[in-house]
Amino acid sequence: MGEKKTMSGQKFLTVTLLNAAITVVEIVGGVLSGSLSLLSDAFHNLGDTFSIAIGYFAHRISQRCEDEHNTYGYGRAQILAALLNALLLVVVAIFLVAEAVRRLFQPEHINGDLMMIVAVVGLVANLISAVLMHGGSKHNMNMKATYLHLLSDTLSSFGVIFGGLMIAWYNVTMIDPIITILVALYISVESWPIVRHAVSILMQGAPKLDYEAIKEDLMKIDGITSVHHIHAWMIDENRIVFSAHVNMRDMKLSEAEMIYRRIERVLTTKYHISHVTIQAEDVRGKDAELISLNEDTAEKP
């Protein structure tokens, strides 16, 4: 596990430095070629460099152990970074569309040959960065947001290259803003689910669990007479916290502990819950709702 975390940190650092280098190359190439498209792509990369850096530092913070200030740890630093990066992508997409519309009506002269050379260099670097981040993007929201930044850069580089070819060979300047709009739409479509998921986690949104099935499974455990006041939320995209009030027959504490272990086994193995808190009760709240914050309906002992 520790090696996996280290590798993720190394990937973030490598990709950050590589993206910063791409930005410098594209700014120089854009100035020399007079390509506004290339300069826009360079500033897009500059924004992505800052976003990747944010993701990297968030990854470092998330590795801190739990303490008295954050008893659940610092995993949500990556959720905050993912949200910020996804929102930045949406802002970038809006800017790209606005700029593309302007270029449709005000086409500019571009040195197509130099534009293509610089874009090819950027494409290769972006592909390397995207490959580095692809594996972790499947299981980590922060890395997925960073990966989408790099993927959008890669698509943008393809667009610049194709646009450069059309401009150099056929002088079709309109192709550049059209490709830009398509890339921007793709960025928005891919970014919005990250924004929605990150906000859900930060708002203590419930994970997708079958709560009735959970109750049925717990009621099968000998000694349990009712389950109520279930609560579940996510610390990050991989860790679920669960609490419940469980009515049990009157028994010794040592016997109740055996039931606790069976409850934890069911919840961790079948429902992949990371942290379980159980409040044992005799008859109090036995007829209460499965999911409720209102204790007034509970029966008094």
C-alpha atoms as a PDB file:
ATOM      1  CA  MET A   1       0.000   0.000   0.000  1.00  0.00           C
ATOM      2  CA  GLY A   2       2.820   2.362   0.950  1.00  0.00           C
ATOM      3  CA  GLU A   3       4.605   1.643  -2.333  1.00  0.00           C
ATOM      4  CA  LYS A   4       1.410   2.420  -4.288  1.00  0.00           C
ATOM      5  CA  LYS A   5       1.037   5.764  -2.511  1.00  0.00           C
ATOM      6  CA  THR A   6       4.701   6.602  -3.189  1.00  0.00           C
ATOM      7  CA  MET A   7       4.291   5.767  -6.864  1.00  0.00           C
ATOM      8  CA  SER A   8       1.257   8.037  -7.083  1.00  0.00           C
ATOM      9  CA  GLY A   9       3.275  10.884  -5.573  1.00  0.00           C
ATOM     10  CA  GLN A  10       6.129  10.277  -8.005  1.00  0.00           C
ATOM     11  CA  LYS A  11       3.702  10.309 -10.926  1.00  0.00           C
ATOM     12  CA  PHE A  12       2.209  13.622  -9.813  1.00  0.00           C
ATOM     13  CA  LEU A  13       5.669  15.188  -9.491  1.00  0.00           C
ATOM     14  CA  THR A  14       6.877  13.849 -12.851  1.00  0.00           C
ATOM     15  CA  VAL A  15       3.724  14.976 -14.654  1.00  0.00           C
ATOM     16  CA  THR A  16       3.847  18.435 -13.024  1.00  0.00           C
ATOM     17  CA  LEU A  17       7.434  19.049 -14.181  1.00  0.00           C
ATOM     18  CA  LEU A  18       6.720  17.642 -17.650  1.00  0.00           C
ATOM     19  CA  ASN A  19       3.630  19.814 -18.091  1.00  0.00           C
ATOM     20  CA  ALA A  20       5.555  22.919 -16.979  1.00  0.00           C
ATOM     21  CA  ALA A  21       8.179  22.176 -19.638  1.00  0.00           C
ATOM     22  CA  ILE A  22       5.454  21.801 -22.297  1.00  0.00           C
ATOM     23  CA  THR A  23       4.063  25.195 -21.324  1.00  0.00           C
ATOM     24  CA  VAL A  24       7.419  26.947 -21.835  1.00  0.00           C
ATOM     25  CA  VAL A  25       7.951  25.269 -25.226  1.00  0.00           C
ATOM     26  CA  GLU A  26       4.450  26.205 -26.442  1.00  0.00           C
ATOM     27  CA  ILE A  27       4.707  29.821 -25.286  1.00  0.00           C
ATOM     28  CA  VAL A  28       7.996  30.249 -27.168  1.00  0.00           C
ATOM     29  CA  GLY A  29       6.602  28.421 -30.204  1.00  0.00           C
ATOM     30  CA  GLY A  30       3.398  30.455 -30.148  1.00  0.00           C
ATOM     31  CA  VAL A  31       5.275  33.772 -30.035  1.00  0.00           C
ATOM     32  CA  LEU A  32       7.656  32.774 -32.840  1.00  0.00           C
ATOM     33  CA  SER A  33       4.914  31.346 -35.079  1.00  0.00           C
ATOM     34  CA  GLY A  34       2.374  34.048 -34.333  1.00  0.00           C
ATOM     35  CA  SER A  35      -0.125  31.290 -33.531  1.00  0.00           C
ATOM     36  CA  LEU A  36      -2.845  32.436 -31.162  1.00  0.00           C
ATOM     37  CA  SER A  37      -4.122  28.863 -31.116  1.00  0.00           C
ATOM     38  CA  LEU A  38      -0.784  27.596 -29.849  1.00  0.00           C
ATOM     39  CA  LEU A  39      -0.559  30.377 -27.274  1.00  0.00           C
ATOM     40  CA  SER A  40      -4.055  29.545 -26.045  1.00  0.00           C
ATOM     41  CA  ASP A  41      -3.007  25.916 -25.735  1.00  0.00           C
ATOM     42  CA  ALA A  42       0.098  27.049 -23.832  1.00  0.00           C
ATOM     43  CA  PHE A  43      -1.974  29.014 -21.319  1.00  0.00           C
ATOM     44  CA  HIS A  44      -4.318  26.036 -21.089  1.00  0.00           C
ATOM     45  CA  ASN A  45      -1.257  23.952 -20.168  1.00  0.00           C
ATOM     46  CA  LEU A  46      -0.127  26.611 -17.703  1.00  0.00           C
ATOM     47  CA  GLY A  47      -3.466  26.379 -15.914  1.00  0.00           C
ATOM     48  CA  ASP A  48      -3.191  22.593 -15.975  1.00  0.00           C
ATOM     49  CA  THR A  49       0.299  22.781 -14.469  1.00  0.00           C
ATOM     50  CA  PHE A  50      -1.097  24.653 -11.485  1.00  0.00           C
ATOM     51  CA  SER A  51      -3.977  22.166 -11.277  1.00  0.00           C
ATOM     52  CA  ILE A  52      -1.628  19.181 -11.350  1.00  0.00           C
ATOM     53  CA  ALA A  53       0.516  20.835  -8.679  1.00  0.00           C
ATOM     54  CA  ILE A  54      -2.605  21.276  -6.541  1.00  0.00           C
ATOM     55  CA  GLY A  55      -3.403  17.597  -7.038  1.00  0.00           C
ATOM     56  CA  TYR A  56       0.146  16.609  -6.098  1.00  0.00           C
ATOM     57  CA  PHE A  57       0.174  18.593  -2.855  1.00  0.00           C
ATOM     58  CA  ALA A  58      -3.325  17.325  -2.018  1.00  0.00           C
ATOM     59  CA  HIS A  59      -2.028  13.790  -2.525  1.00  0.00           C
ATOM     60  CA  ARG A  60       0.836  14.497  -0.103  1.00  0.00           C
ATOM     61  CA  ILE A  61      -1.522  15.965   2.490  1.00  0.00           C
ATOM     62  CA  SER A  62      -3.886  12.990   2.193  1.00  0.00           C
ATOM     63  CA  GLN A  63      -1.078  10.643   3.333  1.00  0.00           C
ATOM     64  CA  ARG A  64      -0.989  12.196   6.807  1.00  0.00           C
ATOM     65  CA  CYS A  65      -2.120   9.958   9.624  1.00  0.00           C
ATOM     66  CA  GLU A  66      -5.202  10.621  11.720  1.00  0.00           C
ATOM     67  CA  ASP A  67      -4.706  13.042  14.611  1.00  0.00           C
ATOM     68  CA  GLU A  68      -6.714  15.017  17.165  1.00  0.00           C
ATOM     69  CA  HIS A  69      -7.547  17.652  14.535  1.00  0.00           C
ATOM     70  CA  ASN A  70      -8.717  15.204  11.838  1.00  0.00           C
ATOM     71  CA  THR A  71      -9.721  11.921  13.424  1.00  0.00           C
ATOM     72  CA  TYR A  72     -10.720  10.471  10.046  1.00  0.00           C
ATOM     73  CA  GLY A  73      -7.442  11.544   8.456  1.00  0.00           C
ATOM     74  CA  TYR A  74      -6.780  13.928   5.579  1.00  0.00           C
ATOM     75  CA  GLY A  75      -8.171  11.909   2.672  1.00  0.00           C
ATOM     76  CA  ARG A  76     -10.626  14.631   1.714  1.00  0.00           C
ATOM     77  CA  ALA A  77      -7.767  16.882   0.649  1.00  0.00           C
ATOM     78  CA  GLN A  78      -7.854  14.893  -2.593  1.00  0.00           C
ATOM     79  CA  ILE A  79     -11.617  15.365  -2.904  1.00  0.00           C
ATOM     80  CA  LEU A  80     -11.195  19.134  -2.547  1.00  0.00           C
ATOM     81  CA  ALA A  81      -8.413  19.074  -5.150  1.00  0.00           C
ATOM     82  CA  ALA A  82     -10.540  17.003  -7.522  1.00  0.00           C
ATOM     83  CA  LEU A  83     -13.430  19.450  -7.155  1.00  0.00           C
ATOM     84  CA  LEU A  84     -11.190  22.456  -7.761  1.00  0.00           C
ATOM     85  CA  ASN A  85      -9.511  20.836 -10.762  1.00  0.00           C
ATOM     86  CA  ALA A  86     -12.827  19.795 -12.317  1.00  0.00           C
ATOM     87  CA  LEU A  87     -14.256  23.295 -11.853  1.00  0.00           C
ATOM     88  CA  LEU A  88     -11.124  24.761 -13.446  1.00  0.00           C
ATOM     89  CA  LEU A  89     -11.637  22.428 -16.401  1.00  0.00           C
ATOM     90  CA  VAL A  90     -15.199  23.689 -16.833  1.00  0.00           C
ATOM     91  CA  VAL A  91     -13.943  27.305 -16.690  1.00  0.00           C
ATOM     92  CA  VAL A  92     -11.241  26.472 -19.251  1.00  0.00           C
ATOM     93  CA  ALA A  93     -13.861  24.862 -21.498  1.00  0.00           C
ATOM     94  CA  ILE A  94     -16.049  27.978 -21.344  1.00  0.00           C
ATOM     95  CA  PHE A  95     -13.037  30.160 -22.195  1.00  0.00           C
ATOM     96  CA  LEU A  96     -12.086  27.894 -25.115  1.00  0.00           C
ATOM     97  CA  VAL A  97     -15.601  28.032 -26.567  1.00  0.00           C
ATOM     98  CA  ALA A  98     -15.694  31.841 -26.268  1.00  0.00           C
ATOM     99  CA  GLU A  99     -12.281  32.135 -27.894  1.00  0.00           C
ATOM    100  CA  ALA A 100     -13.217  29.673 -30.644  1.00  0.00           C
ATOM    101  CA  VAL A 101     -16.385  31.597 -31.512  1.00  0.00           C
ATOM    102  CA  ARG A 102     -14.335  34.792 -31.759  1.00  0.00           C
ATOM    103  CA  ARG A 103     -11.866  33.107 -34.117  1.00  0.00           C
ATOM    104  CA  LEU A 104     -14.666  31.892 -36.352  1.00  0.00           C
ATOM    105  CA  PHE A 105     -15.409  35.540 -37.154  1.00  0.00           C
ATOM    106  CA  GLN A 106     -11.850  36.863 -36.828  1.00  0.00           C
ATOM    107  CA  PRO A 107      -9.445  34.275 -38.333  1.00  0.00           C
ATOM    108  CA  GLU A 108      -5.744  35.010 -37.843  1.00  0.00           C
ATOM    109  CA  HIS A 109      -2.660  34.199 -39.941  1.00  0.00           C
ATOM    110  CA  ILE A 110      -0.619  31.318 -38.536  1.00  0.00           C
ATOM    111  CA  ASN A 111       2.739  29.752 -39.417  1.00  0.00           C
ATOM    112  CA  GLY A 112       1.332  26.254 -39.875  1.00  0.00           C
ATOM    113  CA  ASP A 113       4.677  24.420 -40.109  1.00  0.00           C
ATOM    114  CA  LEU A 114       6.108  25.773 -36.849  1.00  0.00           C
ATOM    115  CA  MET A 115       2.716  25.367 -35.210  1.00  0.00           C
ATOM    116  CA  MET A 116       2.681  21.652 -36.077  1.00  0.00           C
ATOM    117  CA  ILE A 117       6.237  21.030 -34.875  1.00  0.00           C
ATOM    118  CA  VAL A 118       5.586  22.559 -31.462  1.00  0.00           C
ATOM    119  CA  ALA A 119       2.201  20.839 -31.223  1.00  0.00           C
ATOM    120  CA  VAL A 120       3.805  17.433 -31.941  1.00  0.00           C
ATOM    121  CA  VAL A 121       6.298  18.001 -29.107  1.00  0.00           C
ATOM    122  CA  GLY A 122       3.413  18.924 -26.808  1.00  0.00           C
ATOM    123  CA  LEU A 123       1.417  15.898 -27.961  1.00  0.00           C
ATOM    124  CA  VAL A 124       4.224  13.448 -27.139  1.00  0.00           C
ATOM    125  CA  ALA A 125       4.746  14.962 -23.693  1.00  0.00           C
ATOM    126  CA  ASN A 126       1.004  14.993 -22.972  1.00  0.00           C
ATOM    127  CA  LEU A 127       0.658  11.368 -24.047  1.00  0.00           C
ATOM    128  CA  ILE A 128       3.475  10.334 -21.697  1.00  0.00           C
ATOM    129  CA  SER A 129       1.834  12.246 -18.838  1.00  0.00           C
ATOM    130  CA  ALA A 130      -1.610  10.793 -19.584  1.00  0.00           C
ATOM    131  CA  VAL A 131      -0.232   7.235 -19.642  1.00  0.00           C
ATOM    132  CA  LEU A 132       1.474   7.818 -16.279  1.00  0.00           C
ATOM    133  CA  MET A 133      -1.773   8.978 -14.669  1.00  0.00           C
ATOM    134  CA  HIS A 134      -4.200   6.595 -16.404  1.00  0.00           C
ATOM    135  CA  GLY A 135      -3.836   3.618 -14.033  1.00  0.00           C
ATOM    136  CA  GLY A 136      -4.497   5.569 -10.843  1.00  0.00           C
ATOM    137  CA  SER A 137      -7.379   7.504 -12.401  1.00  0.00           C
ATOM    138  CA  LYS A 138      -9.644   4.448 -12.134  1.00  0.00           C
ATOM    139  CA  HIS A 139      -9.630   4.386  -8.336  1.00  0.00           C
ATOM    140  CA  ASN A 140      -8.695   7.916  -7.254  1.00  0.00           C
ATOM    141  CA  MET A 141     -10.871  10.963  -7.969  1.00  0.00           C
ATOM    142  CA  ASN A 142      -7.975  13.395  -7.622  1.00  0.00           C
ATOM    143  CA  MET A 143      -5.856  11.449 -10.121  1.00  0.00           C
ATOM    144  CA  LYS A 144      -8.868  11.125 -12.441  1.00  0.00           C
ATOM    145  CA  ALA A 145      -9.331  14.913 -12.472  1.00  0.00           C
ATOM    146  CA  THR A 146      -5.623  15.331 -13.213  1.00  0.00           C
ATOM    147  CA  TYR A 147      -5.821  12.659 -15.918  1.00  0.00           C
ATOM    148  CA  LEU A 148      -8.727  14.496 -17.561  1.00  0.00           C
ATOM    149  CA  HIS A 149      -6.647  17.683 -17.596  1.00  0.00           C
ATOM    150  CA  LEU A 150      -3.890  15.795 -19.420  1.00  0.00           C
ATOM    151  CA  LEU A 151      -6.327  14.069 -21.757  1.00  0.00           C
ATOM    152  CA  SER A 152      -7.860  17.419 -22.682  1.00  0.00           C
ATOM    153  CA  ASP A 153      -4.337  18.717 -23.395  1.00  0.00           C
ATOM    154  CA  THR A 154      -3.665  15.679 -25.596  1.00  0.00           C
ATOM    155  CA  LEU A 155      -6.881  16.173 -27.555  1.00  0.00           C
ATOM    156  CA  SER A 156      -6.065  19.855 -27.845  1.00  0.00           C
ATOM    157  CA  SER A 157      -2.621  18.994 -29.261  1.00  0.00           C
ATOM    158  CA  PHE A 158      -4.235  16.682 -31.821  1.00  0.00           C
ATOM    159  CA  GLY A 159      -6.548  19.528 -32.755  1.00  0.00           C
ATOM    160  CA  VAL A 160      -3.668  21.971 -33.127  1.00  0.00           C
ATOM    161  CA  ILE A 161      -1.743  19.498 -35.306  1.00  0.00           C
ATOM    162  CA  PHE A 162      -4.751  18.785 -37.517  1.00  0.00           C
ATOM    163  CA  GLY A 163      -5.529  22.482 -37.702  1.00  0.00           C
ATOM    164  CA  GLY A 164      -1.918  23.213 -38.606  1.00  0.00           C
ATOM    165  CA  LEU A 165      -2.069  20.686 -41.432  1.00  0.00           C
ATOM    166  CA  MET A 166      -5.280  22.178 -42.811  1.00  0.00           C
ATOM    167  CA  ILE A 167      -3.860  25.683 -42.554  1.00  0.00           C
ATOM    168  CA  ALA A 168      -0.485  24.781 -44.091  1.00  0.00           C
ATOM    169  CA  TRP A 169      -1.907  22.697 -46.954  1.00  0.00           C
ATOM    170  CA  TYR A 170      -5.344  24.170 -47.634  1.00  0.00           C
ATOM    171  CA  ASN A 171      -5.445  27.447 -45.702  1.00  0.00           C
ATOM    172  CA  VAL A 172      -8.630  26.294 -43.924  1.00  0.00           C
ATOM    173  CA  THR A 173      -8.426  28.475 -40.808  1.00  0.00           C
ATOM    174  CA  MET A 174     -11.985  27.670 -39.708  1.00  0.00           C
ATOM    175  CA  ILE A 175     -11.018  24.103 -38.697  1.00  0.00           C
ATOM    176  CA  ASP A 176      -9.066  25.286 -35.635  1.00  0.00           C
ATOM    177  CA  PRO A 177     -11.979  26.870 -33.700  1.00  0.00           C
ATOM    178  CA  ILE A 178     -14.309  24.008 -34.666  1.00  0.00           C
ATOM    179  CA  ILE A 179     -11.925  21.455 -33.140  1.00  0.00           C
ATOM    180  CA  THR A 180     -11.502  23.692 -30.095  1.00  0.00           C
ATOM    181  CA  ILE A 181     -15.267  23.709 -29.487  1.00  0.00           C
ATOM    182  CA  LEU A 182     -15.445  19.897 -29.756  1.00  0.00           C
ATOM    183  CA  VAL A 183     -12.580  19.506 -27.261  1.00  0.00           C
ATOM    184  CA  ALA A 184     -14.232  21.989 -24.884  1.00  0.00           C
ATOM    185  CA  LEU A 185     -17.507  20.063 -24.998  1.00  0.00           C
ATOM    186  CA  TYR A 186     -15.670  16.835 -24.239  1.00  0.00           C
ATOM    187  CA  ILE A 187     -13.899  18.466 -21.265  1.00  0.00           C
ATOM    188  CA  SER A 188     -17.223  19.673 -19.841  1.00  0.00           C
ATOM    189  CA  VAL A 189     -18.965  16.313 -20.239  1.00  0.00           C
ATOM    190  CA  GLU A 190     -16.111  14.452 -18.523  1.00  0.00           C
ATOM    191  CA  SER A 191     -15.629  17.022 -15.737  1.00  0.00           C
ATOM    192  CA  TRP A 192     -19.197  17.417 -14.534  1.00  0.00           C
ATOM    193  CA  PRO A 193     -19.542  13.923 -12.975  1.00  0.00           C
ATOM    194  CA  ILE A 194     -16.406  14.627 -10.910  1.00  0.00           C
ATOM    195  CA  VAL A 195     -17.896  17.907  -9.671  1.00  0.00           C
ATOM    196  CA  ARG A 196     -21.174  16.174  -8.772  1.00  0.00           C
ATOM    197  CA  HIS A 197     -19.465  13.261  -6.987  1.00  0.00           C
ATOM    198  CA  ALA A 198     -17.026  15.488  -5.070  1.00  0.00           C
ATOM    199  CA  VAL A 199     -19.838  17.768  -3.878  1.00  0.00           C
ATOM    200  CA  SER A 200     -21.837  14.717  -2.801  1.00  0.00           C
ATOM    201  CA  ILE A 201     -18.946  13.446  -0.665  1.00  0.00           C
ATOM    202  CA  LEU A 202     -18.274  16.861   0.882  1.00  0.00           C
ATOM    203  CA  MET A 203     -21.995  17.226   1.673  1.00  0.00           C
ATOM    204  CA  GLN A 204     -21.940  13.875   3.510  1.00  0.00           C
ATOM    205  CA  GLY A 205     -23.993  12.289   0.762  1.00  0.00           C
ATOM    206  CA  ALA A 206     -24.922   8.656   1.319  1.00  0.00           C
ATOM    207  CA  PRO A 207     -23.117   6.001  -0.726  1.00  0.00           C
ATOM    208  CA  LYS A 208     -25.133   3.697  -2.975  1.00  0.00           C
ATOM    209  CA  LEU A 209     -26.016   0.911  -0.563  1.00  0.00           C
ATOM    210  CA  ASP A 210     -29.091  -1.293  -0.278  1.00  0.00           C
ATOM    211  CA  TYR A 211     -30.113  -0.346   3.256  1.00  0.00           C
ATOM    212  CA  GLU A 212     -33.079  -2.706   3.383  1.00  0.00           C
ATOM    213  CA  ALA A 213     -30.792  -5.566   2.387  1.00  0.00           C
ATOM    214  CA  ILE A 214     -28.331  -4.526   5.096  1.00  0.00           C
ATOM    215  CA  LYS A 215     -31.115  -4.653   7.670  1.00  0.00           C
ATOM    216  CA  GLU A 216     -32.210  -8.073   6.449  1.00  0.00           C
ATOM    217  CA  ASP A 217     -28.648  -9.416   6.684  1.00  0.00           C
ATOM    218  CA  LEU A 218     -28.141  -8.032  10.193  1.00  0.00           C
ATOM    219  CA  MET A 219     -31.498  -9.377  11.368  1.00  0.00           C
ATOM    220  CA  LYS A 220     -30.296 -12.876  10.432  1.00  0.00           C
ATOM    221  CA  ILE A 221     -27.659 -12.656  13.158  1.00  0.00           C
ATOM    222  CA  ASP A 222     -28.811 -14.484  16.268  1.00  0.00           C
ATOM    223  CA  GLY A 223     -29.474 -12.067  19.114  1.00  0.00           C
ATOM    224  CA  ILE A 224     -30.489  -9.044  17.000  1.00  0.00           C
ATOM    225  CA  THR A 225     -34.169  -8.072  17.244  1.00  0.00           C
ATOM    226  CA  SER A 226     -34.221  -4.790  15.280  1.00  0.00           C
ATOM    227  CA  VAL A 227     -32.049  -2.344  13.323  1.00  0.00           C
ATOM    228  CA  HIS A 228     -32.776   1.380  13.069  1.00  0.00           C
ATOM    229  CA  HIS A 229     -31.257   4.852  12.699  1.00  0.00           C
ATOM    230  CA  ILE A 230     -28.795   3.801   9.997  1.00  0.00           C
ATOM    231  CA  HIS A 231     -26.352   6.439   8.784  1.00  0.00           C
ATOM    232  CA  ALA A 232     -23.714   6.085   6.063  1.00  0.00           C
ATOM    233  CA  TRP A 233     -21.370   8.560   4.447  1.00  0.00           C
ATOM    234  CA  MET A 234     -18.098   8.641   2.532  1.00  0.00           C
ATOM    235  CA  ILE A 235     -14.760   9.940   3.787  1.00  0.00           C
ATOM    236  CA  ASP A 236     -13.483   9.809   0.214  1.00  0.00           C
ATOM    237  CA  GLU A 237     -14.418   7.874  -2.901  1.00  0.00           C
ATOM    238  CA  ASN A 238     -13.027   4.622  -1.452  1.00  0.00           C
ATOM    239  CA  ARG A 239     -13.944   4.673   2.265  1.00  0.00           C
ATOM    240  CA  ILE A 240     -17.481   4.294   3.638  1.00  0.00           C
ATOM    241  CA  VAL A 241     -18.371   5.000   7.261  1.00  0.00           C
ATOM    242  CA  PHE A 242     -21.459   3.326   8.718  1.00  0.00           C
ATOM    243  CA  SER A 243     -23.351   3.603  12.013  1.00  0.00           C
ATOM    244  CA  ALA A 244     -26.546   1.994  13.271  1.00  0.00           C
ATOM    245  CA  HIS A 245     -28.622   1.398  16.387  1.00  0.00           C
ATOM    246  CA  VAL A 246     -29.113  -2.324  16.939  1.00  0.00           C
ATOM    247  CA  ASN A 247     -31.646  -3.795  19.367  1.00  0.00           C
ATOM    248  CA  MET A 248     -30.400  -6.990  21.003  1.00  0.00           C
ATOM    249  CA  ARG A 249     -31.760  -9.326  23.634  1.00  0.00           C
ATOM    250  CA  ASP A 250     -30.428  -8.801  27.151  1.00  0.00           C
ATOM    251  CA  MET A 251     -27.002 -10.461  27.335  1.00  0.00           C
ATOM    252  CA  LYS A 252     -23.492 -10.215  28.725  1.00  0.00           C
ATOM    253  CA  LEU A 253     -21.104  -7.674  27.222  1.00  0.00           C
ATOM    254  CA  SER A 254     -18.827 -10.504  26.085  1.00  0.00           C
ATOM    255  CA  GLU A 255     -21.734 -12.011  24.133  1.00  0.00           C
ATOM    256  CA  ALA A 256     -22.609  -8.635  22.587  1.00  0.00           C
ATOM    257  CA  GLU A 257     -19.015  -8.276  21.438  1.00  0.00           C
ATOM    258  CA  MET A 258     -19.334 -11.512  19.466  1.00  0.00           C
ATOM    259  CA  ILE A 259     -22.408 -10.074  17.727  1.00  0.00           C
ATOM    260  CA  TYR A 260     -20.477  -6.856  16.977  1.00  0.00           C
ATOM    261  CA  ARG A 261     -17.806  -8.896  15.220  1.00  0.00           C
ATOM    262  CA  ARG A 262     -20.404 -10.696  13.100  1.00  0.00           C
ATOM    263  CA  ILE A 263     -21.977  -7.352  12.156  1.00  0.00           C
ATOM    264  CA  GLU A 264     -18.591  -5.959  11.138  1.00  0.00           C
ATOM    265  CA  ARG A 265     -17.821  -9.072   9.108  1.00  0.00           C
ATOM    266  CA  VAL A 266     -21.062  -8.763   7.122  1.00  0.00           C
ATOM    267  CA  LEU A 267     -20.676  -5.041   6.494  1.00  0.00           C
ATOM    268  CA  THR A 268     -16.996  -5.119   5.519  1.00  0.00           C
ATOM    269  CA  THR A 269     -17.036  -8.223   3.330  1.00  0.00           C
ATOM    270  CA  LYS A 270     -20.404  -7.890   1.590  1.00  0.00           C
ATOM    271  CA  TYR A 271     -20.874  -4.107   1.503  1.00  0.00           C
ATOM    272  CA  HIS A 272     -17.218  -2.957   1.541  1.00  0.00           C
ATOM    273  CA  ILE A 273     -17.721  -0.615   4.493  1.00  0.00           C
ATOM    274  CA  SER A 274     -14.487   0.624   6.052  1.00  0.00           C
ATOM    275  CA  HIS A 275     -15.562   1.832   9.494  1.00  0.00           C
ATOM    276  CA  VAL A 276     -18.504   0.502  11.544  1.00  0.00           C
ATOM    277  CA  THR A 277     -20.007   2.002  14.713  1.00  0.00           C
ATOM    278  CA  ILE A 278     -22.840   0.149  16.452  1.00  0.00           C
ATOM    279  CA  GLN A 279     -25.000   1.428  19.305  1.00  0.00           C
ATOM    280  CA  ALA A 280     -26.550  -1.487  21.178  1.00  0.00           C
ATOM    281  CA  GLU A 281     -30.012  -1.067  22.708  1.00  0.00           C
ATOM    282  CA  ASP A 282     -32.599  -3.258  24.418  1.00  0.00           C
ATOM    283  CA  VAL A 283     -36.066  -1.949  23.433  1.00  0.00           C
ATOM    284  CA  ARG A 284     -35.349   1.742  22.927  1.00  0.00           C
ATOM    285  CA  GLY A 285     -36.183   2.786  19.341  1.00  0.00           C
ATOM    286  CA  LYS A 286     -37.152  -0.763  18.365  1.00  0.00           C
ATOM    287  CA  ASP A 287     -40.000   0.482  16.177  1.00  0.00           C
ATOM    288  CA  ALA A 288     -38.143   3.545  14.865  1.00  0.00           C
ATOM    289  CA  GLU A 289     -37.530   4.214  11.162  1.00  0.00           C
ATOM    290  CA  LEU A 290     -34.589   2.562   9.442  1.00  0.00           C
ATOM    291  CA  ILE A 291     -33.210   5.943   8.371  1.00  0.00           C
ATOM    292  CA  SER A 292     -34.155   8.798  10.685  1.00  0.00           C
ATOM    293  CA  LEU A 293     -32.615  11.499  12.900  1.00  0.00           C
ATOM    294  CA  ASN A 294     -35.699  11.789  15.089  1.00  0.00           C
ATOM    295  CA  GLU A 295     -35.306  10.027  18.422  1.00  0.00           C
ATOM    296  CA  ASP A 296     -38.723  11.142  19.684  1.00  0.00           C
ATOM    297  CA  THR A 297     -40.445   8.144  18.121  1.00  0.00           C
ATOM    298  CA  ALA A 298     -38.258   5.706  19.999  1.00  0.00           C
ATOM    299  CA  GLU A 299     -39.832   3.789  22.833  1.00  0.00           C
ATOM    300  CA  LYS A 300     -38.707   4.831  26.290  1.00  0.00           C
ATOM    301  CA  PRO A 301     -37.070   2.121  28.431  1.00  0.00           C
END
